[in-house]
């Protein structure tokens, strides 16, 4: 808990992309 908002957004986006079969970068 307590991650900065911009980190949280990028991490969540990466996780969603991975689940959708897309790359991190």
PDBML (XML) file of the C-alpha atoms, coordinates in Angstrom:
<?xml version="1.0" encoding="UTF-8" ?>
<PDBx:datablock datablockName="MODEL"
   xmlns:PDBx="http://pdbml.pdb.org/schema/pdbx-v50.xsd"
   xmlns:xsi="http://www.w3.org/2001/XMLSchema-instance"
   xsi:schemaLocation="http://pdbml.pdb.org/schema/pdbx-v50.xsd pdbx-v50.xsd">
   <PDBx:atom_siteCategory>
      <PDBx:atom_site id="1">
         <PDBx:B_iso_or_equiv>0.00</PDBx:B_iso_or_equiv>
         <PDBx:Cartn_x>0.000</PDBx:Cartn_x>
         <PDBx:Cartn_y>0.000</PDBx:Cartn_y>
         <PDBx:Cartn_z>0.000</PDBx:Cartn_z>
         <PDBx:auth_asym_id>A</PDBx:auth_asym_id>
         <PDBx:auth_atom_id>CA</PDBx:auth_atom_id>
         <PDBx:auth_comp_id>UNK</PDBx:auth_comp_id>
         <PDBx:auth_seq_id>1</PDBx:auth_seq_id>
         <PDBx:group_PDB>ATOM</PDBx:group_PDB>
         <PDBx:label_alt_id xsi:nil="true" />
         <PDBx:label_asym_id>A</PDBx:label_asym_id>
         <PDBx:label_atom_id>CA</PDBx:label_atom_id>
         <PDBx:label_comp_id>UNK</PDBx:label_comp_id>
         <PDBx:label_entity_id>1</PDBx:label_entity_id>
         <PDBx:label_seq_id>1</PDBx:label_seq_id>
         <PDBx:occupancy>1.00</PDBx:occupancy>
         <PDBx:pdbx_PDB_model_num>1</PDBx:pdbx_PDB_model_num>
         <PDBx:type_symbol>C</PDBx:type_symbol>
      </PDBx:atom_site>
      <PDBx:atom_site id="2">
         <PDBx:B_iso_or_equiv>0.00</PDBx:B_iso_or_equiv>
         <PDBx:Cartn_x>0.968</PDBx:Cartn_x>
         <PDBx:Cartn_y>3.622</PDBx:Cartn_y>
         <PDBx:Cartn_z>-0.315</PDBx:Cartn_z>
         <PDBx:auth_asym_id>A</PDBx:auth_asym_id>
         <PDBx:auth_atom_id>CA</PDBx:auth_atom_id>
         <PDBx:auth_comp_id>UNK</PDBx:auth_comp_id>
         <PDBx:auth_seq_id>2</PDBx:auth_seq_id>
         <PDBx:group_PDB>ATOM</PDBx:group_PDB>
         <PDBx:label_alt_id xsi:nil="true" />
         <PDBx:label_asym_id>A</PDBx:label_asym_id>
         <PDBx:label_atom_id>CA</PDBx:label_atom_id>
         <PDBx:label_comp_id>UNK</PDBx:label_comp_id>
         <PDBx:label_entity_id>1</PDBx:label_entity_id>
         <PDBx:label_seq_id>2</PDBx:label_seq_id>
         <PDBx:occupancy>1.00</PDBx:occupancy>
         <PDBx:pdbx_PDB_model_num>1</PDBx:pdbx_PDB_model_num>
         <PDBx:type_symbol>C</PDBx:type_symbol>
      </PDBx:atom_site>
      <PDBx:atom_site id="3">
         <PDBx:B_iso_or_equiv>0.00</PDBx:B_iso_or_equiv>
         <PDBx:Cartn_x>2.499</PDBx:Cartn_x>
         <PDBx:Cartn_y>3.637</PDBx:Cartn_y>
         <PDBx:Cartn_z>-3.797</PDBx:Cartn_z>
         <PDBx:auth_asym_id>A</PDBx:auth_asym_id>
         <PDBx:auth_atom_id>CA</PDBx:auth_atom_id>
         <PDBx:auth_comp_id>UNK</PDBx:auth_comp_id>
         <PDBx:auth_seq_id>3</PDBx:auth_seq_id>
         <PDBx:group_PDB>ATOM</PDBx:group_PDB>
         <PDBx:label_alt_id xsi:nil="true" />
         <PDBx:label_asym_id>A</PDBx:label_asym_id>
         <PDBx:label_atom_id>CA</PDBx:label_atom_id>
         <PDBx:label_comp_id>UNK</PDBx:label_comp_id>
         <PDBx:label_entity_id>1</PDBx:label_entity_id>
         <PDBx:label_seq_id>3</PDBx:label_seq_id>
         <PDBx:occupancy>1.00</PDBx:occupancy>
         <PDBx:pdbx_PDB_model_num>1</PDBx:pdbx_PDB_model_num>
         <PDBx:type_symbol>C</PDBx:type_symbol>
      </PDBx:atom_site>
      <PDBx:atom_site id="4">
         <PDBx:B_iso_or_equiv>0.00</PDBx:B_iso_or_equiv>
         <PDBx:Cartn_x>2.568</PDBx:Cartn_x>
         <PDBx:Cartn_y>7.043</PDBx:Cartn_y>
         <PDBx:Cartn_z>-5.509</PDBx:Cartn_z>
         <PDBx:auth_asym_id>A</PDBx:auth_asym_id>
         <PDBx:auth_atom_id>CA</PDBx:auth_atom_id>
         <PDBx:auth_comp_id>UNK</PDBx:auth_comp_id>
         <PDBx:auth_seq_id>4</PDBx:auth_seq_id>
         <PDBx:group_PDB>ATOM</PDBx:group_PDB>
         <PDBx:label_alt_id xsi:nil="true" />
         <PDBx:label_asym_id>A</PDBx:label_asym_id>
         <PDBx:label_atom_id>CA</PDBx:label_atom_id>
         <PDBx:label_comp_id>UNK</PDBx:label_comp_id>
         <PDBx:label_entity_id>1</PDBx:label_entity_id>
         <PDBx:label_seq_id>4</PDBx:label_seq_id>
         <PDBx:occupancy>1.00</PDBx:occupancy>
         <PDBx:pdbx_PDB_model_num>1</PDBx:pdbx_PDB_model_num>
         <PDBx:type_symbol>C</PDBx:type_symbol>
      </PDBx:atom_site>
      <PDBx:atom_site id="5">
         <PDBx:B_iso_or_equiv>0.00</PDBx:B_iso_or_equiv>
         <PDBx:Cartn_x>-0.379</PDBx:Cartn_x>
         <PDBx:Cartn_y>7.559</PDBx:Cartn_y>
         <PDBx:Cartn_z>-7.850</PDBx:Cartn_z>
         <PDBx:auth_asym_id>A</PDBx:auth_asym_id>
         <PDBx:auth_atom_id>CA</PDBx:auth_atom_id>
         <PDBx:auth_comp_id>UNK</PDBx:auth_comp_id>
         <PDBx:auth_seq_id>5</PDBx:auth_seq_id>
         <PDBx:group_PDB>ATOM</PDBx:group_PDB>
         <PDBx:label_alt_id xsi:nil="true" />
         <PDBx:label_asym_id>A</PDBx:label_asym_id>
         <PDBx:label_atom_id>CA</PDBx:label_atom_id>
         <PDBx:label_comp_id>UNK</PDBx:label_comp_id>
         <PDBx:label_entity_id>1</PDBx:label_entity_id>
         <PDBx:label_seq_id>5</PDBx:label_seq_id>
         <PDBx:occupancy>1.00</PDBx:occupancy>
         <PDBx:pdbx_PDB_model_num>1</PDBx:pdbx_PDB_model_num>
         <PDBx:type_symbol>C</PDBx:type_symbol>
      </PDBx:atom_site>
      <PDBx:atom_site id="6">
         <PDBx:B_iso_or_equiv>0.00</PDBx:B_iso_or_equiv>
         <PDBx:Cartn_x>1.723</PDBx:Cartn_x>
         <PDBx:Cartn_y>7.643</PDBx:Cartn_y>
         <PDBx:Cartn_z>-11.034</PDBx:Cartn_z>
         <PDBx:auth_asym_id>A</PDBx:auth_asym_id>
         <PDBx:auth_atom_id>CA</PDBx:auth_atom_id>
         <PDBx:auth_comp_id>UNK</PDBx:auth_comp_id>
         <PDBx:auth_seq_id>6</PDBx:auth_seq_id>
         <PDBx:group_PDB>ATOM</PDBx:group_PDB>
         <PDBx:label_alt_id xsi:nil="true" />
         <PDBx:label_asym_id>A</PDBx:label_asym_id>
         <PDBx:label_atom_id>CA</PDBx:label_atom_id>
         <PDBx:label_comp_id>UNK</PDBx:label_comp_id>
         <PDBx:label_entity_id>1</PDBx:label_entity_id>
         <PDBx:label_seq_id>6</PDBx:label_seq_id>
         <PDBx:occupancy>1.00</PDBx:occupancy>
         <PDBx:pdbx_PDB_model_num>1</PDBx:pdbx_PDB_model_num>
         <PDBx:type_symbol>C</PDBx:type_symbol>
      </PDBx:atom_site>
      <PDBx:atom_site id="7">
         <PDBx:B_iso_or_equiv>0.00</PDBx:B_iso_or_equiv>
         <PDBx:Cartn_x>3.412</PDBx:Cartn_x>
         <PDBx:Cartn_y>4.369</PDBx:Cartn_y>
         <PDBx:Cartn_z>-10.072</PDBx:Cartn_z>
         <PDBx:auth_asym_id>A</PDBx:auth_asym_id>
         <PDBx:auth_atom_id>CA</PDBx:auth_atom_id>
         <PDBx:auth_comp_id>UNK</PDBx:auth_comp_id>
         <PDBx:auth_seq_id>7</PDBx:auth_seq_id>
         <PDBx:group_PDB>ATOM</PDBx:group_PDB>
         <PDBx:label_alt_id xsi:nil="true" />
         <PDBx:label_asym_id>A</PDBx:label_asym_id>
         <PDBx:label_atom_id>CA</PDBx:label_atom_id>
         <PDBx:label_comp_id>UNK</PDBx:label_comp_id>
         <PDBx:label_entity_id>1</PDBx:label_entity_id>
         <PDBx:label_seq_id>7</PDBx:label_seq_id>
         <PDBx:occupancy>1.00</PDBx:occupancy>
         <PDBx:pdbx_PDB_model_num>1</PDBx:pdbx_PDB_model_num>
         <PDBx:type_symbol>C</PDBx:type_symbol>
      </PDBx:atom_site>
      <PDBx:atom_site id="8">
         <PDBx:B_iso_or_equiv>0.00</PDBx:B_iso_or_equiv>
         <PDBx:Cartn_x>0.085</PDBx:Cartn_x>
         <PDBx:Cartn_y>2.779</PDBx:Cartn_y>
         <PDBx:Cartn_z>-9.222</PDBx:Cartn_z>
         <PDBx:auth_asym_id>A</PDBx:auth_asym_id>
         <PDBx:auth_atom_id>CA</PDBx:auth_atom_id>
         <PDBx:auth_comp_id>UNK</PDBx:auth_comp_id>
         <PDBx:auth_seq_id>8</PDBx:auth_seq_id>
         <PDBx:group_PDB>ATOM</PDBx:group_PDB>
         <PDBx:label_alt_id xsi:nil="true" />
         <PDBx:label_asym_id>A</PDBx:label_asym_id>
         <PDBx:label_atom_id>CA</PDBx:label_atom_id>
         <PDBx:label_comp_id>UNK</PDBx:label_comp_id>
         <PDBx:label_entity_id>1</PDBx:label_entity_id>
         <PDBx:label_seq_id>8</PDBx:label_seq_id>
         <PDBx:occupancy>1.00</PDBx:occupancy>
         <PDBx:pdbx_PDB_model_num>1</PDBx:pdbx_PDB_model_num>
         <PDBx:type_symbol>C</PDBx:type_symbol>
      </PDBx:atom_site>
      <PDBx:atom_site id="9">
         <PDBx:B_iso_or_equiv>0.00</PDBx:B_iso_or_equiv>
         <PDBx:Cartn_x>-1.376</PDBx:Cartn_x>
         <PDBx:Cartn_y>3.802</PDBx:Cartn_y>
         <PDBx:Cartn_z>-12.601</PDBx:Cartn_z>
         <PDBx:auth_asym_id>A</PDBx:auth_asym_id>
         <PDBx:auth_atom_id>CA</PDBx:auth_atom_id>
         <PDBx:auth_comp_id>UNK</PDBx:auth_comp_id>
         <PDBx:auth_seq_id>9</PDBx:auth_seq_id>
         <PDBx:group_PDB>ATOM</PDBx:group_PDB>
         <PDBx:label_alt_id xsi:nil="true" />
         <PDBx:label_asym_id>A</PDBx:label_asym_id>
         <PDBx:label_atom_id>CA</PDBx:label_atom_id>
         <PDBx:label_comp_id>UNK</PDBx:label_comp_id>
         <PDBx:label_entity_id>1</PDBx:label_entity_id>
         <PDBx:label_seq_id>9</PDBx:label_seq_id>
         <PDBx:occupancy>1.00</PDBx:occupancy>
         <PDBx:pdbx_PDB_model_num>1</PDBx:pdbx_PDB_model_num>
         <PDBx:type_symbol>C</PDBx:type_symbol>
      </PDBx:atom_site>
      <PDBx:atom_site id="10">
         <PDBx:B_iso_or_equiv>0.00</PDBx:B_iso_or_equiv>
         <PDBx:Cartn_x>1.556</PDBx:Cartn_x>
         <PDBx:Cartn_y>2.448</PDBx:Cartn_y>
         <PDBx:Cartn_z>-14.560</PDBx:Cartn_z>
         <PDBx:auth_asym_id>A</PDBx:auth_asym_id>
         <PDBx:auth_atom_id>CA</PDBx:auth_atom_id>
         <PDBx:auth_comp_id>UNK</PDBx:auth_comp_id>
         <PDBx:auth_seq_id>10</PDBx:auth_seq_id>
         <PDBx:group_PDB>ATOM</PDBx:group_PDB>
         <PDBx:label_alt_id xsi:nil="true" />
         <PDBx:label_asym_id>A</PDBx:label_asym_id>
         <PDBx:label_atom_id>CA</PDBx:label_atom_id>
         <PDBx:label_comp_id>UNK</PDBx:label_comp_id>
         <PDBx:label_entity_id>1</PDBx:label_entity_id>
         <PDBx:label_seq_id>10</PDBx:label_seq_id>
         <PDBx:occupancy>1.00</PDBx:occupancy>
         <PDBx:pdbx_PDB_model_num>1</PDBx:pdbx_PDB_model_num>
         <PDBx:type_symbol>C</PDBx:type_symbol>
      </PDBx:atom_site>
      <PDBx:atom_site id="11">
         <PDBx:B_iso_or_equiv>0.00</PDBx:B_iso_or_equiv>
         <PDBx:Cartn_x>1.662</PDBx:Cartn_x>
         <PDBx:Cartn_y>-0.811</PDBx:Cartn_y>
         <PDBx:Cartn_z>-12.626</PDBx:Cartn_z>
         <PDBx:auth_asym_id>A</PDBx:auth_asym_id>
         <PDBx:auth_atom_id>CA</PDBx:auth_atom_id>
         <PDBx:auth_comp_id>UNK</PDBx:auth_comp_id>
         <PDBx:auth_seq_id>11</PDBx:auth_seq_id>
         <PDBx:group_PDB>ATOM</PDBx:group_PDB>
         <PDBx:label_alt_id xsi:nil="true" />
         <PDBx:label_asym_id>A</PDBx:label_asym_id>
         <PDBx:label_atom_id>CA</PDBx:label_atom_id>
         <PDBx:label_comp_id>UNK</PDBx:label_comp_id>
         <PDBx:label_entity_id>1</PDBx:label_entity_id>
         <PDBx:label_seq_id>11</PDBx:label_seq_id>
         <PDBx:occupancy>1.00</PDBx:occupancy>
         <PDBx:pdbx_PDB_model_num>1</PDBx:pdbx_PDB_model_num>
         <PDBx:type_symbol>C</PDBx:type_symbol>
      </PDBx:atom_site>
      <PDBx:atom_site id="12">
         <PDBx:B_iso_or_equiv>0.00</PDBx:B_iso_or_equiv>
         <PDBx:Cartn_x>-2.061</PDBx:Cartn_x>
         <PDBx:Cartn_y>-1.373</PDBx:Cartn_y>
         <PDBx:Cartn_z>-13.026</PDBx:Cartn_z>
         <PDBx:auth_asym_id>A</PDBx:auth_asym_id>
         <PDBx:auth_atom_id>CA</PDBx:auth_atom_id>
         <PDBx:auth_comp_id>UNK</PDBx:auth_comp_id>
         <PDBx:auth_seq_id>12</PDBx:auth_seq_id>
         <PDBx:group_PDB>ATOM</PDBx:group_PDB>
         <PDBx:label_alt_id xsi:nil="true" />
         <PDBx:label_asym_id>A</PDBx:label_asym_id>
         <PDBx:label_atom_id>CA</PDBx:label_atom_id>
         <PDBx:label_comp_id>UNK</PDBx:label_comp_id>
         <PDBx:label_entity_id>1</PDBx:label_entity_id>
         <PDBx:label_seq_id>12</PDBx:label_seq_id>
         <PDBx:occupancy>1.00</PDBx:occupancy>
         <PDBx:pdbx_PDB_model_num>1</PDBx:pdbx_PDB_model_num>
         <PDBx:type_symbol>C</PDBx:type_symbol>
      </PDBx:atom_site>
      <PDBx:atom_site id="13">
         <PDBx:B_iso_or_equiv>0.00</PDBx:B_iso_or_equiv>
         <PDBx:Cartn_x>-1.881</PDBx:Cartn_x>
         <PDBx:Cartn_y>-0.571</PDBx:Cartn_y>
         <PDBx:Cartn_z>-16.745</PDBx:Cartn_z>
         <PDBx:auth_asym_id>A</PDBx:auth_asym_id>
         <PDBx:auth_atom_id>CA</PDBx:auth_atom_id>
         <PDBx:auth_comp_id>UNK</PDBx:auth_comp_id>
         <PDBx:auth_seq_id>13</PDBx:auth_seq_id>
         <PDBx:group_PDB>ATOM</PDBx:group_PDB>
         <PDBx:label_alt_id xsi:nil="true" />
         <PDBx:label_asym_id>A</PDBx:label_asym_id>
         <PDBx:label_atom_id>CA</PDBx:label_atom_id>
         <PDBx:label_comp_id>UNK</PDBx:label_comp_id>
         <PDBx:label_entity_id>1</PDBx:label_entity_id>
         <PDBx:label_seq_id>13</PDBx:label_seq_id>
         <PDBx:occupancy>1.00</PDBx:occupancy>
         <PDBx:pdbx_PDB_model_num>1</PDBx:pdbx_PDB_model_num>
         <PDBx:type_symbol>C</PDBx:type_symbol>
      </PDBx:atom_site>
      <PDBx:atom_site id="14">
         <PDBx:B_iso_or_equiv>0.00</PDBx:B_iso_or_equiv>
         <PDBx:Cartn_x>0.947</PDBx:Cartn_x>
         <PDBx:Cartn_y>-3.083</PDBx:Cartn_y>
         <PDBx:Cartn_z>-17.152</PDBx:Cartn_z>
         <PDBx:auth_asym_id>A</PDBx:auth_asym_id>
         <PDBx:auth_atom_id>CA</PDBx:auth_atom_id>
         <PDBx:auth_comp_id>UNK</PDBx:auth_comp_id>
         <PDBx:auth_seq_id>14</PDBx:auth_seq_id>
         <PDBx:group_PDB>ATOM</PDBx:group_PDB>
         <PDBx:label_alt_id xsi:nil="true" />
         <PDBx:label_asym_id>A</PDBx:label_asym_id>
         <PDBx:label_atom_id>CA</PDBx:label_atom_id>
         <PDBx:label_comp_id>UNK</PDBx:label_comp_id>
         <PDBx:label_entity_id>1</PDBx:label_entity_id>
         <PDBx:label_seq_id>14</PDBx:label_seq_id>
         <PDBx:occupancy>1.00</PDBx:occupancy>
         <PDBx:pdbx_PDB_model_num>1</PDBx:pdbx_PDB_model_num>
         <PDBx:type_symbol>C</PDBx:type_symbol>
      </PDBx:atom_site>
      <PDBx:atom_site id="15">
         <PDBx:B_iso_or_equiv>0.00</PDBx:B_iso_or_equiv>
         <PDBx:Cartn_x>-1.014</PDBx:Cartn_x>
         <PDBx:Cartn_y>-5.753</PDBx:Cartn_y>
         <PDBx:Cartn_z>-15.318</PDBx:Cartn_z>
         <PDBx:auth_asym_id>A</PDBx:auth_asym_id>
         <PDBx:auth_atom_id>CA</PDBx:auth_atom_id>
         <PDBx:auth_comp_id>UNK</PDBx:auth_comp_id>
         <PDBx:auth_seq_id>15</PDBx:auth_seq_id>
         <PDBx:group_PDB>ATOM</PDBx:group_PDB>
         <PDBx:label_alt_id xsi:nil="true" />
         <PDBx:label_asym_id>A</PDBx:label_asym_id>
         <PDBx:label_atom_id>CA</PDBx:label_atom_id>
         <PDBx:label_comp_id>UNK</PDBx:label_comp_id>
         <PDBx:label_entity_id>1</PDBx:label_entity_id>
         <PDBx:label_seq_id>15</PDBx:label_seq_id>
         <PDBx:occupancy>1.00</PDBx:occupancy>
         <PDBx:pdbx_PDB_model_num>1</PDBx:pdbx_PDB_model_num>
         <PDBx:type_symbol>C</PDBx:type_symbol>
      </PDBx:atom_site>
      <PDBx:atom_site id="16">
         <PDBx:B_iso_or_equiv>0.00</PDBx:B_iso_or_equiv>
         <PDBx:Cartn_x>-4.109</PDBx:Cartn_x>
         <PDBx:Cartn_y>-5.179</PDBx:Cartn_y>
         <PDBx:Cartn_z>-17.441</PDBx:Cartn_z>
         <PDBx:auth_asym_id>A</PDBx:auth_asym_id>
         <PDBx:auth_atom_id>CA</PDBx:auth_atom_id>
         <PDBx:auth_comp_id>UNK</PDBx:auth_comp_id>
         <PDBx:auth_seq_id>16</PDBx:auth_seq_id>
         <PDBx:group_PDB>ATOM</PDBx:group_PDB>
         <PDBx:label_alt_id xsi:nil="true" />
         <PDBx:label_asym_id>A</PDBx:label_asym_id>
         <PDBx:label_atom_id>CA</PDBx:label_atom_id>
         <PDBx:label_comp_id>UNK</PDBx:label_comp_id>
         <PDBx:label_entity_id>1</PDBx:label_entity_id>
         <PDBx:label_seq_id>16</PDBx:label_seq_id>
         <PDBx:occupancy>1.00</PDBx:occupancy>
         <PDBx:pdbx_PDB_model_num>1</PDBx:pdbx_PDB_model_num>
         <PDBx:type_symbol>C</PDBx:type_symbol>
      </PDBx:atom_site>
      <PDBx:atom_site id="17">
         <PDBx:B_iso_or_equiv>0.00</PDBx:B_iso_or_equiv>
         <PDBx:Cartn_x>-2.024</PDBx:Cartn_x>
         <PDBx:Cartn_y>-5.237</PDBx:Cartn_y>
         <PDBx:Cartn_z>-20.612</PDBx:Cartn_z>
         <PDBx:auth_asym_id>A</PDBx:auth_asym_id>
         <PDBx:auth_atom_id>CA</PDBx:auth_atom_id>
         <PDBx:auth_comp_id>UNK</PDBx:auth_comp_id>
         <PDBx:auth_seq_id>17</PDBx:auth_seq_id>
         <PDBx:group_PDB>ATOM</PDBx:group_PDB>
         <PDBx:label_alt_id xsi:nil="true" />
         <PDBx:label_asym_id>A</PDBx:label_asym_id>
         <PDBx:label_atom_id>CA</PDBx:label_atom_id>
         <PDBx:label_comp_id>UNK</PDBx:label_comp_id>
         <PDBx:label_entity_id>1</PDBx:label_entity_id>
         <PDBx:label_seq_id>17</PDBx:label_seq_id>
         <PDBx:occupancy>1.00</PDBx:occupancy>
         <PDBx:pdbx_PDB_model_num>1</PDBx:pdbx_PDB_model_num>
         <PDBx:type_symbol>C</PDBx:type_symbol>
      </PDBx:atom_site>
      <PDBx:atom_site id="18">
         <PDBx:B_iso_or_equiv>0.00</PDBx:B_iso_or_equiv>
         <PDBx:Cartn_x>-0.430</PDBx:Cartn_x>
         <PDBx:Cartn_y>-8.511</PDBx:Cartn_y>
         <PDBx:Cartn_z>-19.599</PDBx:Cartn_z>
         <PDBx:auth_asym_id>A</PDBx:auth_asym_id>
         <PDBx:auth_atom_id>CA</PDBx:auth_atom_id>
         <PDBx:auth_comp_id>UNK</PDBx:auth_comp_id>
         <PDBx:auth_seq_id>18</PDBx:auth_seq_id>
         <PDBx:group_PDB>ATOM</PDBx:group_PDB>
         <PDBx:label_alt_id xsi:nil="true" />
         <PDBx:label_asym_id>A</PDBx:label_asym_id>
         <PDBx:label_atom_id>CA</PDBx:label_atom_id>
         <PDBx:label_comp_id>UNK</PDBx:label_comp_id>
         <PDBx:label_entity_id>1</PDBx:label_entity_id>
         <PDBx:label_seq_id>18</PDBx:label_seq_id>
         <PDBx:occupancy>1.00</PDBx:occupancy>
         <PDBx:pdbx_PDB_model_num>1</PDBx:pdbx_PDB_model_num>
         <PDBx:type_symbol>C</PDBx:type_symbol>
      </PDBx:atom_site>
      <PDBx:atom_site id="19">
         <PDBx:B_iso_or_equiv>0.00</PDBx:B_iso_or_equiv>
         <PDBx:Cartn_x>-3.823</PDBx:Cartn_x>
         <PDBx:Cartn_y>-10.086</PDBx:Cartn_y>
         <PDBx:Cartn_z>-18.978</PDBx:Cartn_z>
         <PDBx:auth_asym_id>A</PDBx:auth_asym_id>
         <PDBx:auth_atom_id>CA</PDBx:auth_atom_id>
         <PDBx:auth_comp_id>UNK</PDBx:auth_comp_id>
         <PDBx:auth_seq_id>19</PDBx:auth_seq_id>
         <PDBx:group_PDB>ATOM</PDBx:group_PDB>
         <PDBx:label_alt_id xsi:nil="true" />
         <PDBx:label_asym_id>A</PDBx:label_asym_id>
         <PDBx:label_atom_id>CA</PDBx:label_atom_id>
         <PDBx:label_comp_id>UNK</PDBx:label_comp_id>
         <PDBx:label_entity_id>1</PDBx:label_entity_id>
         <PDBx:label_seq_id>19</PDBx:label_seq_id>
         <PDBx:occupancy>1.00</PDBx:occupancy>
         <PDBx:pdbx_PDB_model_num>1</PDBx:pdbx_PDB_model_num>
         <PDBx:type_symbol>C</PDBx:type_symbol>
      </PDBx:atom_site>
      <PDBx:atom_site id="20">
         <PDBx:B_iso_or_equiv>0.00</PDBx:B_iso_or_equiv>
         <PDBx:Cartn_x>-4.905</PDBx:Cartn_x>
         <PDBx:Cartn_y>-8.857</PDBx:Cartn_y>
         <PDBx:Cartn_z>-22.414</PDBx:Cartn_z>
         <PDBx:auth_asym_id>A</PDBx:auth_asym_id>
         <PDBx:auth_atom_id>CA</PDBx:auth_atom_id>
         <PDBx:auth_comp_id>UNK</PDBx:auth_comp_id>
         <PDBx:auth_seq_id>20</PDBx:auth_seq_id>
         <PDBx:group_PDB>ATOM</PDBx:group_PDB>
         <PDBx:label_alt_id xsi:nil="true" />
         <PDBx:label_asym_id>A</PDBx:label_asym_id>
         <PDBx:label_atom_id>CA</PDBx:label_atom_id>
         <PDBx:label_comp_id>UNK</PDBx:label_comp_id>
         <PDBx:label_entity_id>1</PDBx:label_entity_id>
         <PDBx:label_seq_id>20</PDBx:label_seq_id>
         <PDBx:occupancy>1.00</PDBx:occupancy>
         <PDBx:pdbx_PDB_model_num>1</PDBx:pdbx_PDB_model_num>
         <PDBx:type_symbol>C</PDBx:type_symbol>
      </PDBx:atom_site>
      <PDBx:atom_site id="21">
         <PDBx:B_iso_or_equiv>0.00</PDBx:B_iso_or_equiv>
         <PDBx:Cartn_x>-1.886</PDBx:Cartn_x>
         <PDBx:Cartn_y>-10.445</PDBx:Cartn_y>
         <PDBx:Cartn_z>-24.074</PDBx:Cartn_z>
         <PDBx:auth_asym_id>A</PDBx:auth_asym_id>
         <PDBx:auth_atom_id>CA</PDBx:auth_atom_id>
         <PDBx:auth_comp_id>UNK</PDBx:auth_comp_id>
         <PDBx:auth_seq_id>21</PDBx:auth_seq_id>
         <PDBx:group_PDB>ATOM</PDBx:group_PDB>
         <PDBx:label_alt_id xsi:nil="true" />
         <PDBx:label_asym_id>A</PDBx:label_asym_id>
         <PDBx:label_atom_id>CA</PDBx:label_atom_id>
         <PDBx:label_comp_id>UNK</PDBx:label_comp_id>
         <PDBx:label_entity_id>1</PDBx:label_entity_id>
         <PDBx:label_seq_id>21</PDBx:label_seq_id>
         <PDBx:occupancy>1.00</PDBx:occupancy>
         <PDBx:pdbx_PDB_model_num>1</PDBx:pdbx_PDB_model_num>
         <PDBx:type_symbol>C</PDBx:type_symbol>
      </PDBx:atom_site>
      <PDBx:atom_site id="22">
         <PDBx:B_iso_or_equiv>0.00</PDBx:B_iso_or_equiv>
         <PDBx:Cartn_x>0.015</PDBx:Cartn_x>
         <PDBx:Cartn_y>-7.189</PDBx:Cartn_y>
         <PDBx:Cartn_z>-24.617</PDBx:Cartn_z>
         <PDBx:auth_asym_id>A</PDBx:auth_asym_id>
         <PDBx:auth_atom_id>CA</PDBx:auth_atom_id>
         <PDBx:auth_comp_id>UNK</PDBx:auth_comp_id>
         <PDBx:auth_seq_id>22</PDBx:auth_seq_id>
         <PDBx:group_PDB>ATOM</PDBx:group_PDB>
         <PDBx:label_alt_id xsi:nil="true" />
         <PDBx:label_asym_id>A</PDBx:label_asym_id>
         <PDBx:label_atom_id>CA</PDBx:label_atom_id>
         <PDBx:label_comp_id>UNK</PDBx:label_comp_id>
         <PDBx:label_entity_id>1</PDBx:label_entity_id>
         <PDBx:label_seq_id>22</PDBx:label_seq_id>
         <PDBx:occupancy>1.00</PDBx:occupancy>
         <PDBx:pdbx_PDB_model_num>1</PDBx:pdbx_PDB_model_num>
         <PDBx:type_symbol>C</PDBx:type_symbol>
      </PDBx:atom_site>
      <PDBx:atom_site id="23">
         <PDBx:B_iso_or_equiv>0.00</PDBx:B_iso_or_equiv>
         <PDBx:Cartn_x>3.603</PDBx:Cartn_x>
         <PDBx:Cartn_y>-6.144</PDBx:Cartn_y>
         <PDBx:Cartn_z>-23.730</PDBx:Cartn_z>
         <PDBx:auth_asym_id>A</PDBx:auth_asym_id>
         <PDBx:auth_atom_id>CA</PDBx:auth_atom_id>
         <PDBx:auth_comp_id>UNK</PDBx:auth_comp_id>
         <PDBx:auth_seq_id>23</PDBx:auth_seq_id>
         <PDBx:group_PDB>ATOM</PDBx:group_PDB>
         <PDBx:label_alt_id xsi:nil="true" />
         <PDBx:label_asym_id>A</PDBx:label_asym_id>
         <PDBx:label_atom_id>CA</PDBx:label_atom_id>
         <PDBx:label_comp_id>UNK</PDBx:label_comp_id>
         <PDBx:label_entity_id>1</PDBx:label_entity_id>
         <PDBx:label_seq_id>23</PDBx:label_seq_id>
         <PDBx:occupancy>1.00</PDBx:occupancy>
         <PDBx:pdbx_PDB_model_num>1</PDBx:pdbx_PDB_model_num>
         <PDBx:type_symbol>C</PDBx:type_symbol>
      </PDBx:atom_site>
      <PDBx:atom_site id="24">
         <PDBx:B_iso_or_equiv>0.00</PDBx:B_iso_or_equiv>
         <PDBx:Cartn_x>4.806</PDBx:Cartn_x>
         <PDBx:Cartn_y>-3.965</PDBx:Cartn_y>
         <PDBx:Cartn_z>-20.895</PDBx:Cartn_z>
         <PDBx:auth_asym_id>A</PDBx:auth_asym_id>
         <PDBx:auth_atom_id>CA</PDBx:auth_atom_id>
         <PDBx:auth_comp_id>UNK</PDBx:auth_comp_id>
         <PDBx:auth_seq_id>24</PDBx:auth_seq_id>
         <PDBx:group_PDB>ATOM</PDBx:group_PDB>
         <PDBx:label_alt_id xsi:nil="true" />
         <PDBx:label_asym_id>A</PDBx:label_asym_id>
         <PDBx:label_atom_id>CA</PDBx:label_atom_id>
         <PDBx:label_comp_id>UNK</PDBx:label_comp_id>
         <PDBx:label_entity_id>1</PDBx:label_entity_id>
         <PDBx:label_seq_id>24</PDBx:label_seq_id>
         <PDBx:occupancy>1.00</PDBx:occupancy>
         <PDBx:pdbx_PDB_model_num>1</PDBx:pdbx_PDB_model_num>
         <PDBx:type_symbol>C</PDBx:type_symbol>
      </PDBx:atom_site>
      <PDBx:atom_site id="25">
         <PDBx:B_iso_or_equiv>0.00</PDBx:B_iso_or_equiv>
         <PDBx:Cartn_x>6.703</PDBx:Cartn_x>
         <PDBx:Cartn_y>-1.430</PDBx:Cartn_y>
         <PDBx:Cartn_z>-23.046</PDBx:Cartn_z>
         <PDBx:auth_asym_id>A</PDBx:auth_asym_id>
         <PDBx:auth_atom_id>CA</PDBx:auth_atom_id>
         <PDBx:auth_comp_id>UNK</PDBx:auth_comp_id>
         <PDBx:auth_seq_id>25</PDBx:auth_seq_id>
         <PDBx:group_PDB>ATOM</PDBx:group_PDB>
         <PDBx:label_alt_id xsi:nil="true" />
         <PDBx:label_asym_id>A</PDBx:label_asym_id>
         <PDBx:label_atom_id>CA</PDBx:label_atom_id>
         <PDBx:label_comp_id>UNK</PDBx:label_comp_id>
         <PDBx:label_entity_id>1</PDBx:label_entity_id>
         <PDBx:label_seq_id>25</PDBx:label_seq_id>
         <PDBx:occupancy>1.00</PDBx:occupancy>
         <PDBx:pdbx_PDB_model_num>1</PDBx:pdbx_PDB_model_num>
         <PDBx:type_symbol>C</PDBx:type_symbol>
      </PDBx:atom_site>
   </PDBx:atom_siteCategory>
</PDBx:datablock>
